[in-house]
Amino acid sequence: MSQVFRALSDPTRRQVLQLLREGPMSAGELCEHFRVSKPTMSAHFSMLKEADLVHAEKLGKSVIYHLKLTVLEDALLGFVRSFDAPRRPSRSKENTS
């Protein structure tokens, strides 16, 4: 889960995921939306793949990226559920008047 949130911490990677919500896109198509170098975009794609948020499919000379929405949903649900854990009783302050 921490890899997912690390990947989501960058606005460029979040925007890549938003673009992929519309459907699969090639690396070249995605790069057209950003003013960063190809090596920088490649690093972003690698981080998204490591977090399992995207699937990369080699199609001829192109790489097509697909959003793995279920992984994102599972991470977000896991995060929300972590707050459902039973809370420890709070220490009551003794009134020493």
N, C-alpha and C. Protein backbone atom coordinates (compact mmCIF):
# COMPACT_ATOMS: atom_id res chain seq x y z
N MET A 1 0.82 -1.19 0.00
CA MET A 1 0.00 0.00 0.00
C MET A 1 0.87 1.25 0.00
N SER A 2 2.02 1.20 0.67
CA SER A 2 2.87 2.40 0.73
C SER A 2 3.41 2.76 -0.65
N GLN A 3 3.67 1.75 -1.51
CA GLN A 3 4.13 2.06 -2.87
C GLN A 3 3.07 2.81 -3.65
N VAL A 4 1.81 2.46 -3.44
CA VAL A 4 0.72 3.15 -4.13
C VAL A 4 0.70 4.62 -3.73
N PHE A 5 0.78 4.88 -2.43
CA PHE A 5 0.71 6.27 -1.97
C PHE A 5 1.97 7.05 -2.34
N ARG A 6 3.11 6.37 -2.40
CA ARG A 6 4.33 7.03 -2.86
C ARG A 6 4.15 7.44 -4.33
N ALA A 7 3.57 6.55 -5.12
CA ALA A 7 3.33 6.87 -6.53
C ALA A 7 2.32 8.01 -6.67
N LEU A 8 1.34 8.04 -5.80
CA LEU A 8 0.31 9.08 -5.87
C LEU A 8 0.79 10.43 -5.33
N SER A 9 1.94 10.45 -4.70
CA SER A 9 2.42 11.70 -4.09
C SER A 9 2.86 12.74 -5.12
N ASP A 10 3.06 12.31 -6.35
CA ASP A 10 3.54 13.23 -7.38
C ASP A 10 2.40 13.67 -8.29
N PRO A 11 2.24 14.98 -8.51
CA PRO A 11 1.12 15.46 -9.35
C PRO A 11 1.18 14.98 -10.80
N THR A 12 2.37 14.79 -11.34
CA THR A 12 2.48 14.29 -12.71
C THR A 12 1.92 12.87 -12.80
N ARG A 13 2.28 12.03 -11.84
CA ARG A 13 1.79 10.65 -11.86
C ARG A 13 0.27 10.61 -11.65
N ARG A 14 -0.24 11.49 -10.79
CA ARG A 14 -1.70 11.55 -10.61
C ARG A 14 -2.38 11.95 -11.90
N GLN A 15 -1.78 12.88 -12.63
CA GLN A 15 -2.38 13.31 -13.90
C GLN A 15 -2.31 12.20 -14.94
N VAL A 16 -1.24 11.42 -14.94
CA VAL A 16 -1.15 10.27 -15.85
C VAL A 16 -2.32 9.33 -15.57
N LEU A 17 -2.59 9.05 -14.30
CA LEU A 17 -3.69 8.16 -13.95
C LEU A 17 -5.03 8.74 -14.38
N GLN A 18 -5.19 10.04 -14.23
CA GLN A 18 -6.44 10.67 -14.68
C GLN A 18 -6.61 10.52 -16.19
N LEU A 19 -5.54 10.70 -16.94
CA LEU A 19 -5.61 10.53 -18.39
C LEU A 19 -5.96 9.09 -18.76
N LEU A 20 -5.40 8.14 -18.03
CA LEU A 20 -5.66 6.73 -18.33
C LEU A 20 -7.07 6.31 -17.95
N ARG A 21 -7.76 7.09 -17.13
CA ARG A 21 -9.16 6.79 -16.82
C ARG A 21 -10.01 6.85 -18.09
N GLU A 22 -9.57 7.65 -19.07
CA GLU A 22 -10.30 7.78 -20.34
C GLU A 22 -10.07 6.57 -21.24
N GLY A 23 -9.03 5.80 -20.96
CA GLY A 23 -8.73 4.62 -21.75
C GLY A 23 -7.23 4.46 -21.92
N PRO A 24 -6.80 3.29 -22.42
CA PRO A 24 -5.38 3.04 -22.62
C PRO A 24 -4.76 4.08 -23.56
N MET A 25 -3.51 4.42 -23.27
CA MET A 25 -2.78 5.39 -24.10
C MET A 25 -1.34 4.93 -24.24
N SER A 26 -0.74 5.31 -25.35
CA SER A 26 0.68 4.99 -25.55
C SER A 26 1.53 5.95 -24.72
N ALA A 27 2.77 5.54 -24.50
CA ALA A 27 3.70 6.41 -23.77
C ALA A 27 3.85 7.74 -24.49
N GLY A 28 3.92 7.70 -25.81
CA GLY A 28 4.04 8.93 -26.59
C GLY A 28 2.85 9.85 -26.42
N GLU A 29 1.64 9.27 -26.44
CA GLU A 29 0.43 10.08 -26.25
C GLU A 29 0.41 10.72 -24.87
N LEU A 30 0.82 9.96 -23.87
CA LEU A 30 0.86 10.51 -22.51
C LEU A 30 1.90 11.61 -22.39
N CYS A 31 3.06 11.41 -23.00
CA CYS A 31 4.14 12.40 -22.92
C CYS A 31 3.73 13.74 -23.52
N GLU A 32 2.84 13.72 -24.50
CA GLU A 32 2.40 14.96 -25.14
C GLU A 32 1.70 15.91 -24.16
N HIS A 33 1.22 15.39 -23.05
CA HIS A 33 0.49 16.19 -22.07
C HIS A 33 1.40 16.86 -21.04
N PHE A 34 2.70 16.58 -21.10
CA PHE A 34 3.61 17.06 -20.06
C PHE A 34 4.83 17.74 -20.67
N ARG A 35 5.37 18.68 -19.94
CA ARG A 35 6.60 19.37 -20.36
C ARG A 35 7.78 18.87 -19.54
N VAL A 36 8.04 17.60 -19.66
CA VAL A 36 9.19 17.00 -18.98
C VAL A 36 9.93 16.12 -19.99
N SER A 37 11.16 15.79 -19.66
CA SER A 37 11.97 14.97 -20.56
C SER A 37 11.46 13.53 -20.61
N LYS A 38 11.84 12.83 -21.66
CA LYS A 38 11.45 11.42 -21.80
C LYS A 38 11.99 10.57 -20.65
N PRO A 39 13.25 10.78 -20.23
CA PRO A 39 13.74 10.01 -19.08
C PRO A 39 12.92 10.26 -17.80
N THR A 40 12.48 11.50 -17.61
CA THR A 40 11.66 11.81 -16.44
C THR A 40 10.32 11.09 -16.53
N MET A 41 9.69 11.12 -17.71
CA MET A 41 8.42 10.41 -17.88
C MET A 41 8.61 8.91 -17.70
N SER A 42 9.72 8.40 -18.20
CA SER A 42 10.02 6.98 -18.04
C SER A 42 10.10 6.61 -16.56
N ALA A 43 10.72 7.48 -15.77
CA ALA A 43 10.81 7.24 -14.32
C ALA A 43 9.41 7.25 -13.69
N HIS A 44 8.56 8.16 -14.14
CA HIS A 44 7.18 8.20 -13.64
C HIS A 44 6.44 6.91 -14.00
N PHE A 45 6.60 6.46 -15.25
CA PHE A 45 5.95 5.22 -15.67
C PHE A 45 6.45 4.04 -14.84
N SER A 46 7.75 4.00 -14.57
CA SER A 46 8.33 2.92 -13.76
C SER A 46 7.74 2.89 -12.36
N MET A 47 7.60 4.07 -11.76
CA MET A 47 7.03 4.15 -10.41
C MET A 47 5.58 3.67 -10.41
N LEU A 48 4.82 4.04 -11.43
CA LEU A 48 3.43 3.60 -11.52
C LEU A 48 3.34 2.09 -11.73
N LYS A 49 4.26 1.53 -12.50
CA LYS A 49 4.28 0.07 -12.71
C LYS A 49 4.67 -0.65 -11.42
N GLU A 50 5.68 -0.13 -10.71
CA GLU A 50 6.11 -0.74 -9.45
C GLU A 50 4.99 -0.75 -8.43
N ALA A 51 4.18 0.28 -8.44
CA ALA A 51 3.04 0.36 -7.51
C ALA A 51 1.86 -0.46 -8.02
N ASP A 52 2.01 -1.05 -9.20
CA ASP A 52 0.98 -1.88 -9.83
C ASP A 52 -0.28 -1.08 -10.19
N LEU A 53 -0.12 0.22 -10.40
CA LEU A 53 -1.25 1.07 -10.76
C LEU A 53 -1.52 1.08 -12.26
N VAL A 54 -0.52 0.68 -13.04
CA VAL A 54 -0.70 0.60 -14.49
C VAL A 54 -0.12 -0.71 -15.00
N HIS A 55 -0.63 -1.12 -16.13
CA HIS A 55 -0.12 -2.29 -16.85
C HIS A 55 0.44 -1.78 -18.17
N ALA A 56 1.66 -2.16 -18.49
CA ALA A 56 2.30 -1.75 -19.74
C ALA A 56 2.27 -2.92 -20.72
N GLU A 57 1.75 -2.65 -21.90
CA GLU A 57 1.64 -3.66 -22.94
C GLU A 57 2.47 -3.23 -24.15
N LYS A 58 3.43 -4.05 -24.52
CA LYS A 58 4.28 -3.76 -25.69
C LYS A 58 3.49 -4.10 -26.94
N LEU A 59 3.32 -3.11 -27.81
CA LEU A 59 2.57 -3.30 -29.05
C LEU A 59 3.41 -2.74 -30.19
N GLY A 60 4.16 -3.62 -30.84
CA GLY A 60 5.10 -3.17 -31.87
C GLY A 60 6.21 -2.36 -31.21
N LYS A 61 6.41 -1.14 -31.68
CA LYS A 61 7.42 -0.26 -31.09
C LYS A 61 6.85 0.60 -29.97
N SER A 62 5.56 0.52 -29.76
CA SER A 62 4.91 1.35 -28.74
C SER A 62 4.67 0.58 -27.45
N VAL A 63 4.56 1.33 -26.38
CA VAL A 63 4.14 0.77 -25.09
C VAL A 63 2.80 1.42 -24.76
N ILE A 64 1.80 0.57 -24.55
CA ILE A 64 0.46 1.05 -24.24
C ILE A 64 0.23 0.85 -22.75
N TYR A 65 -0.19 1.92 -22.08
CA TYR A 65 -0.44 1.86 -20.64
C TYR A 65 -1.94 1.76 -20.37
N HIS A 66 -2.27 0.89 -19.41
CA HIS A 66 -3.65 0.67 -18.98
C HIS A 66 -3.72 0.96 -17.48
N LEU A 67 -4.76 1.61 -17.05
CA LEU A 67 -4.99 1.89 -15.64
C LEU A 67 -5.50 0.63 -14.95
N LYS A 68 -4.93 0.31 -13.79
CA LYS A 68 -5.41 -0.81 -12.98
C LYS A 68 -6.18 -0.22 -11.80
N LEU A 69 -7.41 0.15 -12.08
CA LEU A 69 -8.23 0.86 -11.12
C LEU A 69 -8.48 0.06 -9.85
N THR A 70 -8.58 -1.25 -9.95
CA THR A 70 -8.86 -2.06 -8.75
C THR A 70 -7.73 -1.95 -7.73
N VAL A 71 -6.50 -1.83 -8.19
CA VAL A 71 -5.37 -1.69 -7.27
C VAL A 71 -5.50 -0.38 -6.50
N LEU A 72 -5.84 0.69 -7.20
CA LEU A 72 -6.03 1.99 -6.57
C LEU A 72 -7.19 1.93 -5.58
N GLU A 73 -8.30 1.33 -5.99
CA GLU A 73 -9.46 1.21 -5.10
C GLU A 73 -9.10 0.42 -3.84
N ASP A 74 -8.40 -0.71 -4.01
CA ASP A 74 -8.01 -1.54 -2.87
C ASP A 74 -7.12 -0.77 -1.90
N ALA A 75 -6.18 0.00 -2.42
CA ALA A 75 -5.28 0.77 -1.56
C ALA A 75 -6.06 1.83 -0.79
N LEU A 76 -6.96 2.51 -1.47
CA LEU A 76 -7.75 3.55 -0.79
C LEU A 76 -8.68 2.94 0.25
N LEU A 77 -9.30 1.81 -0.07
CA LEU A 77 -10.16 1.15 0.92
C LEU A 77 -9.35 0.67 2.12
N GLY A 78 -8.16 0.12 1.85
CA GLY A 78 -7.30 -0.32 2.94
C GLY A 78 -6.90 0.83 3.84
N PHE A 79 -6.64 1.97 3.24
CA PHE A 79 -6.28 3.16 4.01
C PHE A 79 -7.46 3.59 4.88
N VAL A 80 -8.64 3.65 4.31
CA VAL A 80 -9.83 4.06 5.06
C VAL A 80 -10.11 3.06 6.19
N ARG A 81 -9.97 1.78 5.90
CA ARG A 81 -10.23 0.75 6.92
C ARG A 81 -9.23 0.83 8.07
N SER A 82 -8.04 1.33 7.80
CA SER A 82 -7.04 1.42 8.87
C SER A 82 -7.51 2.36 9.98
N PHE A 83 -8.46 3.23 9.66
CA PHE A 83 -9.01 4.13 10.67
C PHE A 83 -10.20 3.53 11.39
N ASP A 84 -10.66 2.36 10.94
CA ASP A 84 -11.77 1.68 11.59
C ASP A 84 -11.30 0.80 12.74
N ALA A 85 -10.00 0.68 12.92
CA ALA A 85 -9.47 -0.17 13.98
C ALA A 85 -9.94 0.36 15.33
N PRO A 86 -10.15 -0.54 16.28
CA PRO A 86 -10.59 -0.09 17.60
C PRO A 86 -9.60 0.91 18.18
N ARG A 87 -10.13 1.95 18.74
CA ARG A 87 -9.27 2.98 19.33
C ARG A 87 -8.92 2.59 20.75
N ARG A 88 -7.71 2.97 21.12
CA ARG A 88 -7.29 2.73 22.51
C ARG A 88 -8.03 3.71 23.40
N PRO A 89 -8.38 3.28 24.58
CA PRO A 89 -9.07 4.21 25.48
C PRO A 89 -8.17 5.40 25.78
N SER A 90 -8.76 6.57 25.76
CA SER A 90 -7.98 7.76 26.05
C SER A 90 -7.82 7.89 27.55
N ARG A 91 -6.71 8.47 27.93
CA ARG A 91 -6.47 8.68 29.36
C ARG A 91 -7.32 9.85 29.82
N SER A 92 -8.07 9.61 30.84
CA SER A 92 -8.88 10.72 31.37
C SER A 92 -8.01 11.52 32.32
N LYS A 93 -8.10 12.81 32.20
CA LYS A 93 -7.31 13.67 33.07
C LYS A 93 -8.02 13.80 34.40
N GLU A 94 -7.26 13.59 35.43
CA GLU A 94 -7.85 13.72 36.76
C GLU A 94 -7.98 15.19 37.10
N ASN A 95 -9.07 15.49 37.68
CA ASN A 95 -9.34 16.87 38.07
C ASN A 95 -8.70 17.11 39.43
N THR A 96 -7.69 17.94 39.48
CA THR A 96 -6.95 18.19 40.74
C THR A 96 -7.24 19.59 41.25
N SER A 97 -8.49 19.89 41.49
CA SER A 97 -8.85 21.23 41.97
C SER A 97 -8.64 21.35 43.43
